[in-house]
Structure formats: C-alpha cells, structure tokens
C-alpha cells in the first residue's frame, strides 16, 4: 500500500520515496508480464514508471518543471518548435530530472539486477557553483536498494582503491563501450568490468566495487543526474572527460561524456583521457 512522501518540503526524502515507488511498480510489471516478450516488457516498464513519476510529481511538486527521458515535450528543447514543457523547464527555478527506467535491456532479461530508476532535483540557485543538483536518488529495485544524496554511503576505504598489484577496476558498458576504452584501459593498467545501466555503473563506483566509470558514447542529462548527485555527495569526482563541470537543465539535454571516479584517481585518469580523446 502506498504511503505519502515526507512532508515539510523535504526534497531529498521525496526523491528517495519517489524512486522507490517507481521501482516497486517496475517489479510488479516484471512479475505480471514475465520475460517471453522482451520488447513488450521494455515498453511497459518505461510507460508505467514514467506515469508514476509524472503523476506523483504533479501531485506533490506541482510548481516544479520536469525533464524526463519519456516526455518528448520536455526534452526536445533544442528543436525549432519548442514544446510548452521545454520552455517551462528552461525558465524554471526547480527542475526534476528523471529517468523512469535506466537500463531497459537489463530490465527485460530475467535475473538481471543492474537497472535503475533515477530521480534528481536541479535548482537554479545552486547551478552557479556546481552541477546544481540539490537532491538525488537512485533506486535499484531488483536489489531492494535506494541510494540517496542526503544519506550517501561512506567514501570507499583507501584499501579498496584497486585490485592486488594496483589494477584499476573500470566499469564499462557490456554492449556499447566507447571505442577508445580498450587502449585507455591498457595505458592506465585497468581491468574492464562489464555491467548494465549508467546508474548501476556509478553505483558500483560509490560502493567501491569498481574504481571508475568512463563514458563517451552519448548520454543525456537523465542518464547521470541522479547518480552524479549521490556520487558527489559521497565525495567522488564527477566531470566531463575533459575535466570540465557537468551542467544540467541545458537547452540541449545531451550530455555525451562522463567520468566518475575516486577523487585521488581523477588527475591520472583525466590526463590519460586527454591523450586518448584529443
């Protein structure tokens, strides 16, 4: 039975509650439809989670704007014909950036747990001093887990920086790794660890299961906003692969590259990335 979210304008608690609630809805979709038709399962998951997020945001945060992967009106802000939702978010002071189902491929495969729900809040008043993300939560429903920026996990212990012998563990897409990644990994002495969604990869850095995640194959703001909010609250480094700051609620929501890693590794990884990405 659904309970109401935290009151008193608790945006961090609301983000956690909302991500968890959408995650429960996705588990119900999996249980109801099964895995015989992956395409139908993906479509149903995207639709149900998006509807949960949009309905509850409209109910509990009606004054705020929304940027969602599944809402064309809010995301196609760079086209000649600006949608009403897109115009609203570009002038709004507060924008919820959500990915209803990060990792649809993994969601539709039986036994996979590396998919997520992302909920983040961008605030214009904080955007001038950083990424502007003031709340964020990543739900990993199949693992019965929600990570929130307000109560981030502790920074991974120093003893877990790398495997014995100094090998850096580098999270990589199991289906679409950047073309330069193999050479980059060889230069820095890294071992690639394939896994699913962007949320799952960044969560793995937060948990100390891997030491870094590099992406350069094309992403959007909703792919990284919530996990970056949690990662930076934990004390990890997050930037573009050229070292520049991540920016959110832009007219064009494409955010094609990303580095999330242990802070002490950032200078070494950024230097190597400059050599490999030019």
C-alpha atoms as a PDB file:
ATOM      1  CA  UNK A   1       0.000   0.000   0.000  1.00  0.00           C
ATOM      2  CA  UNK A   2       1.353   3.400  -0.981  1.00  0.00           C
ATOM      3  CA  UNK A   3       2.288   5.839   1.770  1.00  0.00           C
ATOM      4  CA  UNK A   4       2.613   9.594   1.399  1.00  0.00           C
ATOM      5  CA  UNK A   5       6.099  11.069   0.895  1.00  0.00           C
ATOM      6  CA  UNK A   6       7.932  13.001   3.602  1.00  0.00           C
ATOM      7  CA  UNK A   7       6.420  16.428   4.273  1.00  0.00           C
ATOM      8  CA  UNK A   8       7.773  19.847   5.149  1.00  0.00           C
ATOM      9  CA  UNK A   9       9.345  20.347   1.725  1.00  0.00           C
ATOM     10  CA  UNK A  10      11.836  17.534   2.227  1.00  0.00           C
ATOM     11  CA  UNK A  11      13.061  17.262  -1.370  1.00  0.00           C
ATOM     12  CA  UNK A  12      15.766  14.708  -0.561  1.00  0.00           C
ATOM     13  CA  UNK A  13      13.322  12.417   1.183  1.00  0.00           C
ATOM     14  CA  UNK A  14      10.803  12.933  -1.596  1.00  0.00           C
ATOM     15  CA  UNK A  15      13.374  11.959  -4.255  1.00  0.00           C
ATOM     16  CA  UNK A  16      14.153   8.757  -2.353  1.00  0.00           C
ATOM     17  CA  UNK A  17      10.456   7.966  -1.845  1.00  0.00           C
ATOM     18  CA  UNK A  18       9.601   8.612  -5.494  1.00  0.00           C
ATOM     19  CA  UNK A  19      12.446   6.500  -6.889  1.00  0.00           C
ATOM     20  CA  UNK A  20      11.487   3.644  -4.571  1.00  0.00           C
ATOM     21  CA  UNK A  21       7.812   3.857  -5.502  1.00  0.00           C
ATOM     22  CA  UNK A  22       8.524   3.773  -9.238  1.00  0.00           C
ATOM     23  CA  UNK A  23      10.889   0.854  -8.614  1.00  0.00           C
ATOM     24  CA  UNK A  24       8.156  -1.143  -6.915  1.00  0.00           C
ATOM     25  CA  UNK A  25       5.882  -0.504  -9.876  1.00  0.00           C
ATOM     26  CA  UNK A  26       8.581  -1.847 -12.218  1.00  0.00           C
ATOM     27  CA  UNK A  27       8.943  -5.029 -10.175  1.00  0.00           C
ATOM     28  CA  UNK A  28       5.188  -5.522 -10.485  1.00  0.00           C
ATOM     29  CA  UNK A  29       5.423  -5.133 -14.274  1.00  0.00           C
ATOM     30  CA  UNK A  30       8.175  -7.758 -14.418  1.00  0.00           C
ATOM     31  CA  UNK A  31       6.144 -10.158 -12.294  1.00  0.00           C
ATOM     32  CA  UNK A  32       2.986  -9.650 -14.323  1.00  0.00           C
ATOM     33  CA  UNK A  33       4.397  -9.841 -17.861  1.00  0.00           C
ATOM     34  CA  UNK A  34       7.343 -12.200 -17.470  1.00  0.00           C
ATOM     35  CA  UNK A  35      10.206 -12.327 -19.974  1.00  0.00           C
ATOM     36  CA  UNK A  36       8.738 -14.078 -23.003  1.00  0.00           C
ATOM     37  CA  UNK A  37       8.378 -10.828 -24.965  1.00  0.00           C
ATOM     38  CA  UNK A  38      11.323  -8.517 -24.098  1.00  0.00           C
ATOM     39  CA  UNK A  39      10.059  -5.723 -26.332  1.00  0.00           C
ATOM     40  CA  UNK A  40       6.672  -5.614 -24.653  1.00  0.00           C
ATOM     41  CA  UNK A  41       8.291  -5.752 -21.219  1.00  0.00           C
ATOM     42  CA  UNK A  42      10.601  -2.824 -22.016  1.00  0.00           C
ATOM     43  CA  UNK A  43       7.726  -0.717 -23.349  1.00  0.00           C
ATOM     44  CA  UNK A  44       5.502  -1.498 -20.385  1.00  0.00           C
ATOM     45  CA  UNK A  45       8.263  -0.741 -17.898  1.00  0.00           C
ATOM     46  CA  UNK A  46       9.059   2.633 -19.463  1.00  0.00           C
ATOM     47  CA  UNK A  47       5.367   3.577 -19.582  1.00  0.00           C
ATOM     48  CA  UNK A  48       4.417   2.511 -16.065  1.00  0.00           C
ATOM     49  CA  UNK A  49       7.405   4.072 -14.337  1.00  0.00           C
ATOM     50  CA  UNK A  50       7.045   7.318 -16.294  1.00  0.00           C
ATOM     51  CA  UNK A  51       3.386   7.561 -15.343  1.00  0.00           C
ATOM     52  CA  UNK A  52       4.187   7.002 -11.662  1.00  0.00           C
ATOM     53  CA  UNK A  53       6.851   9.709 -11.681  1.00  0.00           C
ATOM     54  CA  UNK A  54       4.794  12.251 -13.593  1.00  0.00           C
ATOM     55  CA  UNK A  55       1.642  11.639 -11.539  1.00  0.00           C
ATOM     56  CA  UNK A  56       3.385  11.990  -8.175  1.00  0.00           C
ATOM     57  CA  UNK A  57       5.446  14.999  -9.255  1.00  0.00           C
ATOM     58  CA  UNK A  58       2.275  16.728 -10.432  1.00  0.00           C
ATOM     59  CA  UNK A  59       0.588  15.864  -7.147  1.00  0.00           C
ATOM     60  CA  UNK A  60       3.349  16.737  -4.679  1.00  0.00           C
ATOM     61  CA  UNK A  61       5.546  19.244  -6.571  1.00  0.00           C
ATOM     62  CA  UNK A  62       3.093  20.944  -8.991  1.00  0.00           C
ATOM     63  CA  UNK A  63       5.099  24.188  -9.228  1.00  0.00           C
ATOM     64  CA  UNK A  64       8.259  22.439 -10.421  1.00  0.00           C
ATOM     65  CA  UNK A  65       9.209  21.592 -14.015  1.00  0.00           C
ATOM     66  CA  UNK A  66      10.218  18.120 -15.196  1.00  0.00           C
ATOM     67  CA  UNK A  67      12.794  16.776 -17.657  1.00  0.00           C
ATOM     68  CA  UNK A  68      12.147  13.104 -18.415  1.00  0.00           C
ATOM     69  CA  UNK A  69      13.518  10.692 -20.975  1.00  0.00           C
ATOM     70  CA  UNK A  70       9.969   9.565 -21.709  1.00  0.00           C
ATOM     71  CA  UNK A  71       8.485  13.057 -22.139  1.00  0.00           C
ATOM     72  CA  UNK A  72       9.249  14.429 -25.585  1.00  0.00           C
ATOM     73  CA  UNK A  73       7.719  17.792 -24.755  1.00  0.00           C
ATOM     74  CA  UNK A  74      10.274  18.459 -22.027  1.00  0.00           C
ATOM     75  CA  UNK A  75      13.384  17.015 -23.629  1.00  0.00           C
ATOM     76  CA  UNK A  76      13.301  18.295 -27.229  1.00  0.00           C
ATOM     77  CA  UNK A  77      14.183  21.821 -26.188  1.00  0.00           C
ATOM     78  CA  UNK A  78      16.765  22.371 -28.904  1.00  0.00           C
ATOM     79  CA  UNK A  79      14.385  21.942 -31.849  1.00  0.00           C
ATOM     80  CA  UNK A  80      12.890  24.854 -33.742  1.00  0.00           C
ATOM     81  CA  UNK A  81       9.450  24.094 -32.333  1.00  0.00           C
ATOM     82  CA  UNK A  82       9.901  24.338 -28.582  1.00  0.00           C
ATOM     83  CA  UNK A  83       7.346  22.347 -26.651  1.00  0.00           C
ATOM     84  CA  UNK A  84       5.486  24.072 -23.843  1.00  0.00           C
ATOM     85  CA  UNK A  85       7.078  21.763 -21.256  1.00  0.00           C
ATOM     86  CA  UNK A  86      10.539  22.500 -22.645  1.00  0.00           C
ATOM     87  CA  UNK A  87      10.037  26.249 -22.428  1.00  0.00           C
ATOM     88  CA  UNK A  88       8.795  25.861 -18.864  1.00  0.00           C
ATOM     89  CA  UNK A  89      11.814  23.910 -17.653  1.00  0.00           C
ATOM     90  CA  UNK A  90      14.305  26.329 -19.221  1.00  0.00           C
ATOM     91  CA  UNK A  91      12.838  29.242 -17.254  1.00  0.00           C
ATOM     92  CA  UNK A  92      12.001  27.311 -14.072  1.00  0.00           C
ATOM     93  CA  UNK A  93      13.953  27.652 -10.842  1.00  0.00           C
ATOM     94  CA  UNK A  94      13.467  23.980  -9.957  1.00  0.00           C
ATOM     95  CA  UNK A  95      13.510  21.063 -12.396  1.00  0.00           C
ATOM     96  CA  UNK A  96      13.159  17.368 -11.619  1.00  0.00           C
ATOM     97  CA  UNK A  97      15.404  15.339 -13.949  1.00  0.00           C
ATOM     98  CA  UNK A  98      14.184  11.752 -14.095  1.00  0.00           C
ATOM     99  CA  UNK A  99      14.908   8.527 -15.928  1.00  0.00           C
ATOM    100  CA  UNK A 100      11.938   6.202 -15.368  1.00  0.00           C
ATOM    101  CA  UNK A 101      13.919   3.106 -16.364  1.00  0.00           C
ATOM    102  CA  UNK A 102      17.686   3.283 -16.767  1.00  0.00           C
ATOM    103  CA  UNK A 103      18.748   0.029 -18.400  1.00  0.00           C
ATOM    104  CA  UNK A 104      15.709  -1.237 -20.299  1.00  0.00           C
ATOM    105  CA  UNK A 105      17.771  -4.026 -21.863  1.00  0.00           C
ATOM    106  CA  UNK A 106      18.772  -5.365 -18.440  1.00  0.00           C
ATOM    107  CA  UNK A 107      15.227  -4.894 -17.079  1.00  0.00           C
ATOM    108  CA  UNK A 108      13.900  -7.216 -19.781  1.00  0.00           C
ATOM    109  CA  UNK A 109      16.405 -10.006 -19.035  1.00  0.00           C
ATOM    110  CA  UNK A 110      15.464 -12.491 -16.335  1.00  0.00           C
ATOM    111  CA  UNK A 111      17.811 -12.483 -13.371  1.00  0.00           C
ATOM    112  CA  UNK A 112      19.488  -9.157 -14.127  1.00  0.00           C
ATOM    113  CA  UNK A 113      19.590  -6.614 -11.335  1.00  0.00           C
ATOM    114  CA  UNK A 114      21.705  -3.857 -12.953  1.00  0.00           C
ATOM    115  CA  UNK A 115      18.888  -1.477 -13.895  1.00  0.00           C
ATOM    116  CA  UNK A 116      17.635   1.569 -12.032  1.00  0.00           C
ATOM    117  CA  UNK A 117      15.246   4.474 -11.530  1.00  0.00           C
ATOM    118  CA  UNK A 118      16.769   7.975 -11.387  1.00  0.00           C
ATOM    119  CA  UNK A 119      15.217  10.978  -9.640  1.00  0.00           C
ATOM    120  CA  UNK A 120      17.149  14.247  -9.227  1.00  0.00           C
ATOM    121  CA  UNK A 121      16.289  17.865  -8.496  1.00  0.00           C
ATOM    122  CA  UNK A 122      18.138  20.756 -10.177  1.00  0.00           C
ATOM    123  CA  UNK A 123      17.886  24.193  -8.541  1.00  0.00           C
ATOM    124  CA  UNK A 124      18.867  27.364 -10.403  1.00  0.00           C
ATOM    125  CA  UNK A 125      20.123  28.997  -7.206  1.00  0.00           C
ATOM    126  CA  UNK A 126      22.803  26.298  -6.878  1.00  0.00           C
ATOM    127  CA  UNK A 127      23.723  25.989 -10.547  1.00  0.00           C
ATOM    128  CA  UNK A 128      26.316  28.758 -10.483  1.00  0.00           C
ATOM    129  CA  UNK A 129      28.570  26.941  -8.010  1.00  0.00           C
ATOM    130  CA  UNK A 130      28.432  23.377  -9.349  1.00  0.00           C
ATOM    131  CA  UNK A 131      26.153  20.980 -11.134  1.00  0.00           C
ATOM    132  CA  UNK A 132      23.076  22.456  -9.452  1.00  0.00           C
ATOM    133  CA  UNK A 133      21.739  19.097  -8.265  1.00  0.00           C
ATOM    134  CA  UNK A 134      20.362  19.600  -4.756  1.00  0.00           C
ATOM    135  CA  UNK A 135      18.663  16.221  -4.326  1.00  0.00           C
ATOM    136  CA  UNK A 136      19.010  12.851  -5.959  1.00  0.00           C
ATOM    137  CA  UNK A 137      18.133   9.203  -5.515  1.00  0.00           C
ATOM    138  CA  UNK A 138      18.907   6.028  -7.435  1.00  0.00           C
ATOM    139  CA  UNK A 139      16.666   3.030  -6.892  1.00  0.00           C
ATOM    140  CA  UNK A 140      17.964  -0.440  -7.724  1.00  0.00           C
ATOM    141  CA  UNK A 141      14.631  -2.227  -7.331  1.00  0.00           C
ATOM    142  CA  UNK A 142      15.846  -5.759  -8.106  1.00  0.00           C
ATOM    143  CA  UNK A 143      18.423  -5.341  -5.329  1.00  0.00           C
ATOM    144  CA  UNK A 144      15.874  -3.837  -2.913  1.00  0.00           C
ATOM    145  CA  UNK A 145      18.082  -0.775  -2.539  1.00  0.00           C
ATOM    146  CA  UNK A 146      17.796   3.003  -2.820  1.00  0.00           C
ATOM    147  CA  UNK A 147      20.791   5.352  -2.601  1.00  0.00           C
ATOM    148  CA  UNK A 148      20.100   8.992  -1.761  1.00  0.00           C
ATOM    149  CA  UNK A 149      22.326  12.059  -1.762  1.00  0.00           C
ATOM    150  CA  UNK A 150      21.031  13.102   1.662  1.00  0.00           C
ATOM    151  CA  UNK A 151      22.375   9.910   3.281  1.00  0.00           C
ATOM    152  CA  UNK A 152      25.182   8.852   0.921  1.00  0.00           C
ATOM    153  CA  UNK A 153      27.257   5.742   1.562  1.00  0.00           C
ATOM    154  CA  UNK A 154      30.689   6.434   3.075  1.00  0.00           C
ATOM    155  CA  UNK A 155      33.587   7.061   0.747  1.00  0.00           C
ATOM    156  CA  UNK A 156      35.082   3.685  -0.263  1.00  0.00           C
ATOM    157  CA  UNK A 157      38.023   2.782   2.029  1.00  0.00           C
ATOM    158  CA  UNK A 158      41.521   3.506   0.729  1.00  0.00           C
ATOM    159  CA  UNK A 159      42.376  -0.186   0.843  1.00  0.00           C
ATOM    160  CA  UNK A 160      39.821  -0.814  -1.911  1.00  0.00           C
ATOM    161  CA  UNK A 161      41.316   1.573  -4.466  1.00  0.00           C
ATOM    162  CA  UNK A 162      42.317  -1.224  -6.796  1.00  0.00           C
ATOM    163  CA  UNK A 163      42.889  -4.939  -7.037  1.00  0.00           C
ATOM    164  CA  UNK A 164      46.107  -6.519  -5.737  1.00  0.00           C
ATOM    165  CA  UNK A 165      49.004  -5.322  -7.874  1.00  0.00           C
ATOM    166  CA  UNK A 166      47.449  -1.914  -8.496  1.00  0.00           C
ATOM    167  CA  UNK A 167      44.959  -2.833 -11.229  1.00  0.00           C
ATOM    168  CA  UNK A 168      42.242  -0.199 -11.554  1.00  0.00           C
ATOM    169  CA  UNK A 169      38.756  -1.612 -11.996  1.00  0.00           C
ATOM    170  CA  UNK A 170      36.922   0.294 -14.716  1.00  0.00           C
ATOM    171  CA  UNK A 171      33.154  -0.096 -15.212  1.00  0.00           C
ATOM    172  CA  UNK A 172      32.283  -0.484 -18.890  1.00  0.00           C
ATOM    173  CA  UNK A 173      29.187  -0.962 -20.971  1.00  0.00           C
ATOM    174  CA  UNK A 174      28.707  -4.607 -21.786  1.00  0.00           C
ATOM    175  CA  UNK A 175      27.086  -3.750 -25.127  1.00  0.00           C
ATOM    176  CA  UNK A 176      28.261  -0.234 -26.171  1.00  0.00           C
ATOM    177  CA  UNK A 177      31.726   0.557 -24.731  1.00  0.00           C
ATOM    178  CA  UNK A 178      33.496   3.655 -26.136  1.00  0.00           C
ATOM    179  CA  UNK A 179      35.831   2.710 -28.983  1.00  0.00           C
ATOM    180  CA  UNK A 180      38.913   4.114 -27.237  1.00  0.00           C
ATOM    181  CA  UNK A 181      38.256   2.319 -23.955  1.00  0.00           C
ATOM    182  CA  UNK A 182      40.431  -0.758 -24.574  1.00  0.00           C
ATOM    183  CA  UNK A 183      43.532   1.314 -25.349  1.00  0.00           C
ATOM    184  CA  UNK A 184      42.783   3.691 -22.485  1.00  0.00           C
ATOM    185  CA  UNK A 185      42.439   0.785 -20.056  1.00  0.00           C
ATOM    186  CA  UNK A 186      45.714  -0.738 -21.270  1.00  0.00           C
ATOM    187  CA  UNK A 187      47.604   2.534 -20.702  1.00  0.00           C
ATOM    188  CA  UNK A 188      46.413   3.010 -17.122  1.00  0.00           C
ATOM    189  CA  UNK A 189      46.612  -0.681 -16.239  1.00  0.00           C
ATOM    190  CA  UNK A 190      42.871  -1.115 -15.787  1.00  0.00           C
ATOM    191  CA  UNK A 191      40.635  -4.151 -15.945  1.00  0.00           C
ATOM    192  CA  UNK A 192      37.271  -3.611 -17.659  1.00  0.00           C
ATOM    193  CA  UNK A 193      34.264  -4.732 -15.633  1.00  0.00           C
ATOM    194  CA  UNK A 194      31.191  -5.037 -17.905  1.00  0.00           C
ATOM    195  CA  UNK A 195      27.833  -4.127 -16.374  1.00  0.00           C
ATOM    196  CA  UNK A 196      24.478  -2.686 -17.304  1.00  0.00           C
ATOM    197  CA  UNK A 197      22.906   0.722 -16.840  1.00  0.00           C
ATOM    198  CA  UNK A 198      24.681   4.007 -16.135  1.00  0.00           C
ATOM    199  CA  UNK A 199      23.055   4.093 -12.720  1.00  0.00           C
ATOM    200  CA  UNK A 200      24.380   0.642 -11.889  1.00  0.00           C
ATOM    201  CA  UNK A 201      27.893   1.598 -13.046  1.00  0.00           C
ATOM    202  CA  UNK A 202      28.050   4.784 -10.989  1.00  0.00           C
ATOM    203  CA  UNK A 203      26.576   2.931  -8.021  1.00  0.00           C
ATOM    204  CA  UNK A 204      29.399   0.410  -8.371  1.00  0.00           C
ATOM    205  CA  UNK A 205      31.924   3.270  -8.040  1.00  0.00           C
ATOM    206  CA  UNK A 206      30.062   4.578  -4.993  1.00  0.00           C
ATOM    207  CA  UNK A 207      30.133   1.135  -3.400  1.00  0.00           C
ATOM    208  CA  UNK A 208      33.824   0.552  -4.166  1.00  0.00           C
ATOM    209  CA  UNK A 209      33.091  -2.410  -6.459  1.00  0.00           C
ATOM    210  CA  UNK A 210      34.960  -0.556  -9.218  1.00  0.00           C
ATOM    211  CA  UNK A 211      37.233   2.471  -9.103  1.00  0.00           C
ATOM    212  CA  UNK A 212      35.993   4.478 -12.077  1.00  0.00           C
ATOM    213  CA  UNK A 213      33.390   4.759 -14.801  1.00  0.00           C
ATOM    214  CA  UNK A 214      34.136   6.430 -18.138  1.00  0.00           C
ATOM    215  CA  UNK A 215      31.503   7.019 -20.773  1.00  0.00           C
ATOM    216  CA  UNK A 216      31.940   8.752 -24.116  1.00  0.00           C
ATOM    217  CA  UNK A 217      29.356   7.157 -26.376  1.00  0.00           C
ATOM    218  CA  UNK A 218      26.488   9.595 -25.974  1.00  0.00           C
ATOM    219  CA  UNK A 219      24.211  10.109 -22.992  1.00  0.00           C
ATOM    220  CA  UNK A 220      21.620  12.583 -21.787  1.00  0.00           C
ATOM    221  CA  UNK A 221      21.130  14.505 -18.558  1.00  0.00           C
ATOM    222  CA  UNK A 222      18.682  11.967 -17.146  1.00  0.00           C
ATOM    223  CA  UNK A 223      21.261   9.184 -17.522  1.00  0.00           C
ATOM    224  CA  UNK A 224      23.608  10.762 -14.984  1.00  0.00           C
ATOM    225  CA  UNK A 225      21.861  13.450 -12.900  1.00  0.00           C
ATOM    226  CA  UNK A 226      20.641  11.307 -10.008  1.00  0.00           C
ATOM    227  CA  UNK A 227      23.697   9.020  -9.705  1.00  0.00           C
ATOM    228  CA  UNK A 228      26.041  12.020 -10.008  1.00  0.00           C
ATOM    229  CA  UNK A 229      24.160  13.744  -7.189  1.00  0.00           C
ATOM    230  CA  UNK A 230      24.757  10.703  -4.966  1.00  0.00           C
ATOM    231  CA  UNK A 231      28.372  10.219  -6.114  1.00  0.00           C
ATOM    232  CA  UNK A 232      29.400  13.803  -5.418  1.00  0.00           C
ATOM    233  CA  UNK A 233      27.623  13.730  -2.053  1.00  0.00           C
ATOM    234  CA  UNK A 234      29.766  10.680  -1.271  1.00  0.00           C
ATOM    235  CA  UNK A 235      32.905  12.678  -2.125  1.00  0.00           C
ATOM    236  CA  UNK A 236      33.689  11.131  -5.502  1.00  0.00           C
ATOM    237  CA  UNK A 237      34.882  13.021  -8.565  1.00  0.00           C
ATOM    238  CA  UNK A 238      32.381  13.639 -11.384  1.00  0.00           C
ATOM    239  CA  UNK A 239      33.078  15.673 -14.539  1.00  0.00           C
ATOM    240  CA  UNK A 240      33.136  15.634 -18.316  1.00  0.00           C
ATOM    241  CA  UNK A 241      36.050  13.609 -19.700  1.00  0.00           C
ATOM    242  CA  UNK A 242      37.933  16.849 -20.444  1.00  0.00           C
ATOM    243  CA  UNK A 243      37.648  17.763 -16.758  1.00  0.00           C
ATOM    244  CA  UNK A 244      35.004  20.457 -17.228  1.00  0.00           C
ATOM    245  CA  UNK A 245      31.990  20.666 -14.943  1.00  0.00           C
ATOM    246  CA  UNK A 246      28.789  18.745 -15.562  1.00  0.00           C
ATOM    247  CA  UNK A 247      25.872  21.072 -16.269  1.00  0.00           C
ATOM    248  CA  UNK A 248      22.190  20.244 -16.130  1.00  0.00           C
ATOM    249  CA  UNK A 249      18.885  21.673 -17.385  1.00  0.00           C
ATOM    250  CA  UNK A 250      20.523  22.841 -20.590  1.00  0.00           C
ATOM    251  CA  UNK A 251      18.506  23.624 -23.724  1.00  0.00           C
ATOM    252  CA  UNK A 252      20.050  20.579 -25.372  1.00  0.00           C
ATOM    253  CA  UNK A 253      19.940  17.797 -22.740  1.00  0.00           C
ATOM    254  CA  UNK A 254      22.596  15.725 -24.478  1.00  0.00           C
ATOM    255  CA  UNK A 255      25.496  15.142 -22.086  1.00  0.00           C
ATOM    256  CA  UNK A 256      27.630  12.808 -24.165  1.00  0.00           C
ATOM    257  CA  UNK A 257      30.572  12.004 -21.903  1.00  0.00           C
ATOM    258  CA  UNK A 258      31.250  11.468 -18.234  1.00  0.00           C
ATOM    259  CA  UNK A 259      33.913  10.457 -15.718  1.00  0.00           C
ATOM    260  CA  UNK A 260      33.005   9.315 -12.206  1.00  0.00           C
ATOM    261  CA  UNK A 261      35.886   8.007 -10.127  1.00  0.00           C
ATOM    262  CA  UNK A 262      37.695   8.026  -6.828  1.00  0.00           C
ATOM    263  CA  UNK A 263      38.923  11.577  -6.288  1.00  0.00           C
ATOM    264  CA  UNK A 264      42.554  10.523  -5.902  1.00  0.00           C
ATOM    265  CA  UNK A 265      42.470   8.853  -9.322  1.00  0.00           C
ATOM    266  CA  UNK A 266      40.956  11.819 -11.188  1.00  0.00           C
ATOM    267  CA  UNK A 267      44.201  13.626 -12.224  1.00  0.00           C
ATOM    268  CA  UNK A 268      45.724  10.428 -13.612  1.00  0.00           C
ATOM    269  CA  UNK A 269      42.566   9.383 -15.461  1.00  0.00           C
ATOM    270  CA  UNK A 270      41.883  12.839 -16.897  1.00  0.00           C
ATOM    271  CA  UNK A 271      45.454  13.097 -18.191  1.00  0.00           C
ATOM    272  CA  UNK A 272      45.141   9.732 -19.924  1.00  0.00           C
ATOM    273  CA  UNK A 273      41.707  10.640 -21.313  1.00  0.00           C
ATOM    274  CA  UNK A 274      43.152  13.766 -22.915  1.00  0.00           C
ATOM    275  CA  UNK A 275      45.649  11.622 -24.743  1.00  0.00           C
ATOM    276  CA  UNK A 276      43.017   9.212 -25.998  1.00  0.00           C
ATOM    277  CA  UNK A 277      40.183  11.582 -26.828  1.00  0.00           C
ATOM    278  CA  UNK A 278      42.147  14.572 -28.052  1.00  0.00           C
END
